[in-house]
Every structure is written in structure tokens, then in C-alpha cells.
């Protein structure tokens, strides 16, 4: 499983605003498996999309 960080949002956003959740919802509406995770080290919310790993082509 591969993970791609789509966007990073500061944890101290304005009250009543959830930009990371809104972006994750928009990604899910487009068919992506998006979720929000907390990056404690950088005090930020990350929108992460999980994808299946594509096997490498074999050279014959």
C-alpha cells in the first residue's frame, strides 16, 4: 500500500473551519481513499490518499 500526502494544514486553524476534512471529503467524492491524519511532530493535519502498489514489470 502506497500513501501520498495530498495537502498539509496547520493544526491551529480557525474555529469552526475544518479545511483538511473538507479536502479529504472532496477527494473521496472523486473516488480516492482519502483520510486525515495528524502529524504530531509538525503540529499539522495531513490529507493522505492510499493507493495499491503496482507491481514492477518484469523484463524477460
N, C-alpha and C. Protein backbone atom coordinates (compact mmCIF):
# COMPACT_ATOMS: atom_id res chain seq x y z
N UNK A 1 0.84 -1.18 0.00
CA UNK A 1 0.00 0.00 0.00
C UNK A 1 0.89 1.24 0.00
N UNK A 2 0.65 2.12 -0.92
CA UNK A 2 1.39 3.37 -1.02
C UNK A 2 0.52 4.51 -0.48
N UNK A 3 1.15 5.46 0.18
CA UNK A 3 0.43 6.62 0.69
C UNK A 3 1.04 7.88 0.09
N UNK A 4 0.16 8.78 -0.31
CA UNK A 4 0.59 10.06 -0.87
C UNK A 4 -0.04 11.17 -0.04
N UNK A 5 0.77 12.12 0.41
CA UNK A 5 0.25 13.29 1.13
C UNK A 5 -0.22 14.29 0.08
N UNK A 6 -1.52 14.57 0.08
CA UNK A 6 -2.10 15.48 -0.90
C UNK A 6 -1.95 16.94 -0.47
N UNK A 7 -2.07 17.19 0.84
CA UNK A 7 -2.02 18.57 1.33
C UNK A 7 -1.71 18.54 2.82
N UNK A 8 -1.13 19.63 3.32
CA UNK A 8 -0.78 19.78 4.73
C UNK A 8 -1.46 21.04 5.26
N UNK A 9 -2.13 20.93 6.42
CA UNK A 9 -2.83 22.08 7.01
C UNK A 9 -2.35 22.27 8.44
N UNK A 10 -2.12 23.50 8.88
CA UNK A 10 -1.71 23.75 10.26
C UNK A 10 -2.81 23.34 11.23
N UNK A 11 -2.41 22.77 12.37
CA UNK A 11 -3.39 22.30 13.36
C UNK A 11 -4.13 23.45 14.04
N UNK A 12 -3.57 24.62 14.06
CA UNK A 12 -4.18 25.76 14.75
C UNK A 12 -5.09 26.58 13.85
N UNK A 13 -5.89 25.92 13.04
CA UNK A 13 -6.78 26.64 12.12
C UNK A 13 -7.89 27.37 12.85
N UNK A 14 -8.62 28.23 12.15
CA UNK A 14 -9.69 28.99 12.77
C UNK A 14 -10.81 28.09 13.29
N UNK A 15 -11.42 28.52 14.34
CA UNK A 15 -12.50 27.76 14.97
C UNK A 15 -13.67 27.60 13.98
N UNK A 16 -14.20 26.38 13.91
CA UNK A 16 -15.33 26.11 13.02
C UNK A 16 -14.92 25.82 11.60
N UNK A 17 -13.62 25.86 11.31
CA UNK A 17 -13.13 25.58 9.96
C UNK A 17 -12.35 24.27 10.00
N UNK A 18 -12.67 23.38 9.09
CA UNK A 18 -12.01 22.07 9.02
C UNK A 18 -11.48 21.86 7.60
N UNK A 19 -10.48 22.63 7.16
CA UNK A 19 -10.04 22.53 5.77
C UNK A 19 -9.50 21.15 5.39
N UNK A 20 -8.83 20.47 6.30
CA UNK A 20 -8.30 19.14 5.97
C UNK A 20 -9.45 18.15 5.75
N UNK A 21 -10.47 18.20 6.60
CA UNK A 21 -11.62 17.31 6.44
C UNK A 21 -12.37 17.63 5.15
N UNK A 22 -12.49 18.91 4.84
CA UNK A 22 -13.19 19.31 3.61
C UNK A 22 -12.44 18.81 2.37
N UNK A 23 -11.11 18.91 2.39
CA UNK A 23 -10.34 18.44 1.24
C UNK A 23 -10.43 16.92 1.13
N UNK A 24 -10.35 16.22 2.25
CA UNK A 24 -10.45 14.76 2.23
C UNK A 24 -11.81 14.33 1.68
N UNK A 25 -12.87 15.03 2.06
CA UNK A 25 -14.20 14.71 1.55
C UNK A 25 -14.26 14.93 0.04
N UNK A 26 -13.66 16.01 -0.44
CA UNK A 26 -13.64 16.28 -1.88
C UNK A 26 -12.88 15.18 -2.63
N UNK A 27 -11.78 14.71 -2.06
CA UNK A 27 -11.02 13.62 -2.67
C UNK A 27 -11.85 12.34 -2.69
N UNK A 28 -12.55 12.05 -1.58
CA UNK A 28 -13.40 10.85 -1.54
C UNK A 28 -14.53 10.95 -2.55
N UNK A 29 -15.06 12.15 -2.75
CA UNK A 29 -16.12 12.35 -3.75
C UNK A 29 -15.60 12.05 -5.16
N UNK A 30 -14.29 12.19 -5.37
CA UNK A 30 -13.68 11.89 -6.66
C UNK A 30 -13.21 10.43 -6.75
N UNK A 31 -13.53 9.63 -5.71
CA UNK A 31 -13.21 8.21 -5.74
C UNK A 31 -11.88 7.81 -5.12
N UNK A 32 -11.20 8.75 -4.48
CA UNK A 32 -9.93 8.44 -3.84
C UNK A 32 -10.16 8.03 -2.39
N UNK A 33 -9.33 7.15 -1.88
CA UNK A 33 -9.42 6.69 -0.49
C UNK A 33 -8.64 7.67 0.39
N UNK A 34 -9.22 8.82 0.65
CA UNK A 34 -8.52 9.88 1.40
C UNK A 34 -8.93 9.86 2.87
N UNK A 35 -7.96 10.19 3.72
CA UNK A 35 -8.25 10.34 5.14
C UNK A 35 -7.34 11.41 5.71
N UNK A 36 -7.70 11.89 6.89
CA UNK A 36 -6.92 12.92 7.57
C UNK A 36 -6.14 12.26 8.71
N UNK A 37 -4.86 12.54 8.78
CA UNK A 37 -4.02 12.04 9.87
C UNK A 37 -3.29 13.24 10.50
N UNK A 38 -2.91 13.06 11.75
CA UNK A 38 -2.21 14.11 12.48
C UNK A 38 -0.71 13.87 12.42
N UNK A 39 0.03 14.89 12.05
CA UNK A 39 1.49 14.87 12.08
C UNK A 39 1.87 15.59 13.37
N UNK A 40 2.09 14.83 14.44
CA UNK A 40 2.37 15.42 15.75
C UNK A 40 3.68 16.20 15.77
N UNK A 41 4.67 15.69 15.07
CA UNK A 41 5.99 16.33 15.05
C UNK A 41 5.92 17.75 14.50
N UNK A 42 5.07 17.95 13.47
CA UNK A 42 4.97 19.26 12.83
C UNK A 42 3.69 20.01 13.17
N UNK A 43 2.88 19.46 14.09
CA UNK A 43 1.63 20.08 14.52
C UNK A 43 0.76 20.46 13.32
N UNK A 44 0.48 19.43 12.48
CA UNK A 44 -0.29 19.68 11.27
C UNK A 44 -1.19 18.48 10.97
N UNK A 45 -2.24 18.75 10.21
CA UNK A 45 -3.11 17.70 9.70
C UNK A 45 -2.71 17.43 8.25
N UNK A 46 -2.62 16.15 7.89
CA UNK A 46 -2.26 15.76 6.53
C UNK A 46 -3.44 15.05 5.88
N UNK A 47 -3.72 15.37 4.63
CA UNK A 47 -4.70 14.64 3.85
C UNK A 47 -3.91 13.59 3.08
N UNK A 48 -4.18 12.33 3.38
CA UNK A 48 -3.42 11.21 2.82
C UNK A 48 -4.33 10.36 1.94
N UNK A 49 -3.82 9.98 0.77
CA UNK A 49 -4.54 9.08 -0.13
C UNK A 49 -3.77 7.78 -0.20
N UNK A 50 -4.48 6.67 0.03
CA UNK A 50 -3.85 5.36 -0.05
C UNK A 50 -4.12 4.76 -1.42
N UNK A 51 -3.09 4.13 -1.97
CA UNK A 51 -3.20 3.51 -3.30
C UNK A 51 -2.56 2.14 -3.25
N UNK A 52 -3.03 1.27 -4.11
CA UNK A 52 -2.44 -0.05 -4.25
C UNK A 52 -1.08 0.07 -4.92
N UNK A 53 -0.12 -0.71 -4.44
CA UNK A 53 1.19 -0.73 -5.08
C UNK A 53 1.08 -1.46 -6.41
N UNK A 54 1.67 -0.90 -7.44
CA UNK A 54 1.66 -1.52 -8.77
C UNK A 54 2.92 -2.37 -8.89
N UNK A 55 2.75 -3.66 -9.19
CA UNK A 55 3.95 -4.50 -9.31
C UNK A 55 4.85 -4.04 -10.46
N UNK A 56 6.14 -4.11 -10.25
CA UNK A 56 7.10 -3.71 -11.29
C UNK A 56 7.03 -4.69 -12.46
N UNK A 57 7.18 -4.18 -13.64
CA UNK A 57 7.16 -5.02 -14.84
C UNK A 57 8.43 -5.87 -14.86
N UNK A 58 8.27 -7.11 -15.25
CA UNK A 58 9.43 -7.99 -15.33
C UNK A 58 10.00 -7.94 -16.74
N UNK A 59 11.29 -7.94 -16.80
CA UNK A 59 11.98 -7.92 -18.09
C UNK A 59 12.34 -9.35 -18.44
N UNK A 60 11.92 -9.81 -19.61
CA UNK A 60 12.02 -11.20 -19.91
C UNK A 60 13.12 -11.60 -20.77
